[in-house]
C-alpha cells in the first residue's frame, strides 16, 4: 500500500495538469486509491495533483463508500442554478465556504481501461 503525503503547496497545486494516458496510469491510480482510502473518514474526492502527480486523474467517492477513478474529466453541461455550501479539503484542512457550485454537472471522462463515459453528478456521493 502506497499512501502518499497530501500536497499543501499552492504553487504545486496550481500547475495545470497534463492529460492522463490510461495505458500509463496504473501507478498513479494505485497511489491515488490507497491515499483516498486511507483518508476515507473525511475524503469525498482526491485529485492526483494532491499527491504529487500533475496529471488529470481523480478519485471520487461512490455511494458504496469506495472510490471511482476518473481520467481526463471535462464538464460538458451544467445546471442553470448554483448553490453555496461548505466543504473540507485535504490540501487546505478545515471546513470552508465554497464559491458558488453548479447544482449538477455532466462530465465526459475515461475509465482506467480507456473506455469513455458520460455521467451526471450532483451532491456528495
Protein backbone atom coordinates (compact mmCIF):
# COMPACT_ATOMS: atom_id res chain seq x y z
CA UNK A 1 0.00 0.00 0.00
CA UNK A 2 1.41 3.40 -1.02
CA UNK A 3 -0.22 6.16 0.99
CA UNK A 4 1.35 9.43 -0.11
CA UNK A 5 1.57 12.76 1.67
CA UNK A 6 -1.06 15.32 0.75
CA UNK A 7 0.38 18.28 -1.18
CA UNK A 8 -0.41 21.60 0.50
CA UNK A 9 1.80 23.90 -1.60
CA UNK A 10 -0.48 26.25 -3.57
CA UNK A 11 2.19 26.73 -6.27
CA UNK A 12 2.32 22.98 -6.92
CA UNK A 13 -1.47 22.65 -6.82
CA UNK A 14 -1.93 25.49 -9.32
CA UNK A 15 0.14 23.79 -12.05
CA UNK A 16 -2.08 22.82 -15.00
CA UNK A 17 -2.23 19.02 -15.10
CA UNK A 18 -1.45 17.09 -18.26
CA UNK A 19 -3.84 14.68 -19.96
CA UNK A 20 -3.73 11.19 -18.48
CA UNK A 21 -2.86 8.21 -20.67
CA UNK A 22 -4.83 5.22 -19.40
CA UNK A 23 -2.10 2.81 -20.55
CA UNK A 24 0.41 4.52 -18.24
CA UNK A 25 -1.90 5.44 -15.37
CA UNK A 26 -1.75 2.30 -13.17
CA UNK A 27 0.86 3.54 -10.65
CA UNK A 28 -0.96 6.87 -10.21
CA UNK A 29 -4.34 5.12 -9.87
CA UNK A 30 -2.97 2.74 -7.23
CA UNK A 31 -1.38 5.52 -5.17
CA UNK A 32 -4.49 7.70 -5.54
CA UNK A 33 -6.81 4.90 -4.37
CA UNK A 34 -4.54 3.92 -1.48
CA UNK A 35 -4.29 7.53 -0.29
CA UNK A 36 -8.02 8.29 -0.72
CA UNK A 37 -8.98 5.11 1.14
CA UNK A 38 -6.53 5.95 3.93
CA UNK A 39 -8.30 9.32 4.35
CA UNK A 40 -11.80 7.90 3.77
CA UNK A 41 -13.15 9.27 7.06
CA UNK A 42 -13.15 12.78 5.53
CA UNK A 43 -12.35 12.34 1.83
CA UNK A 44 -15.04 12.53 -0.86
CA UNK A 45 -12.67 13.22 -3.71
CA UNK A 46 -8.94 13.39 -4.31
CA UNK A 47 -7.04 14.65 -7.33
CA UNK A 48 -3.72 13.20 -8.48
CA UNK A 49 -2.02 16.59 -8.07
CA UNK A 50 -2.89 16.46 -4.36
CA UNK A 51 -0.47 13.52 -4.03
CA UNK A 52 2.24 14.88 -6.31
CA UNK A 53 1.21 13.69 -9.77
CA UNK A 54 0.47 16.54 -12.18
CA UNK A 55 -1.94 14.52 -14.30
CA UNK A 56 -5.73 14.70 -14.82
CA UNK A 57 -6.94 11.79 -12.67
CA UNK A 58 -9.34 11.99 -9.74
CA UNK A 59 -10.85 9.56 -7.25
CA UNK A 60 -14.49 10.25 -6.36
CA UNK A 61 -16.36 8.55 -3.51
CA UNK A 62 -19.18 6.29 -4.68
CA UNK A 63 -22.49 5.57 -2.92
CA UNK A 64 -20.94 2.23 -1.84
CA UNK A 65 -18.22 4.13 0.10
CA UNK A 66 -15.39 3.22 -2.22
CA UNK A 67 -13.75 5.38 -4.87
CA UNK A 68 -14.30 5.58 -8.62
CA UNK A 69 -11.33 6.60 -10.77
CA UNK A 70 -11.93 9.22 -13.42
CA UNK A 71 -9.37 10.18 -16.05
CA UNK A 72 -9.43 13.43 -18.01
CA UNK A 73 -12.76 14.74 -16.71
CA UNK A 74 -14.37 17.52 -18.73
CA UNK A 75 -17.59 19.31 -17.81
CA UNK A 76 -19.79 19.28 -20.92
CA UNK A 77 -23.02 20.59 -19.40
CA UNK A 78 -24.26 22.01 -16.11
CA UNK A 79 -27.36 23.21 -14.32
CA UNK A 80 -28.56 26.79 -14.57
CA UNK A 81 -28.75 27.04 -10.79
CA UNK A 82 -25.92 27.22 -8.28
CA UNK A 83 -25.53 26.86 -4.55
CA UNK A 84 -23.05 27.77 -1.82
CA UNK A 85 -22.01 25.13 0.66
CA UNK A 86 -19.20 24.16 2.99
CA UNK A 87 -16.55 21.61 2.18
CA UNK A 88 -13.40 20.07 3.56
CA UNK A 89 -10.16 19.82 1.55
CA UNK A 90 -7.23 17.59 2.45
CA UNK A 91 -4.82 20.13 0.92
CA UNK A 92 -6.26 23.00 2.98
CA UNK A 93 -7.57 21.29 6.13
CA UNK A 94 -10.61 22.70 7.81
CA UNK A 95 -14.10 23.45 6.63
CA UNK A 96 -14.51 26.42 4.32
CA UNK A 97 -17.39 28.06 2.49
CA UNK A 98 -17.32 27.34 -1.24
CA UNK A 99 -17.75 29.70 -4.09
CA UNK A 100 -20.96 29.02 -5.97
CA UNK A 101 -21.15 25.46 -7.29
CA UNK A 102 -23.43 24.18 -10.05
CA UNK A 103 -26.28 22.05 -8.67
CA UNK A 104 -25.27 19.35 -11.14
CA UNK A 105 -22.63 18.85 -13.82
CA UNK A 106 -22.47 16.45 -16.73
CA UNK A 107 -18.96 15.11 -17.19
CA UNK A 108 -17.27 13.26 -20.04
CA UNK A 109 -14.35 11.14 -18.81
CA UNK A 110 -12.34 7.98 -19.32
CA UNK A 111 -12.15 4.91 -17.13
CA UNK A 112 -8.78 3.34 -16.26
CA UNK A 113 -9.37 0.78 -19.06
CA UNK A 114 -9.65 3.57 -21.66
CA UNK A 115 -13.43 3.41 -22.17
CA UNK A 116 -15.21 6.78 -22.37
CA UNK A 117 -18.20 7.55 -20.23
CA UNK A 118 -20.64 10.40 -19.67
CA UNK A 119 -22.29 10.88 -16.29
CA UNK A 120 -24.24 13.48 -14.37
CA UNK A 121 -23.00 14.28 -10.86
CA UNK A 122 -24.78 16.17 -8.10
CA UNK A 123 -24.27 16.49 -4.37
CA UNK A 124 -21.91 14.44 -2.32
CA UNK A 125 -21.92 10.82 -3.41
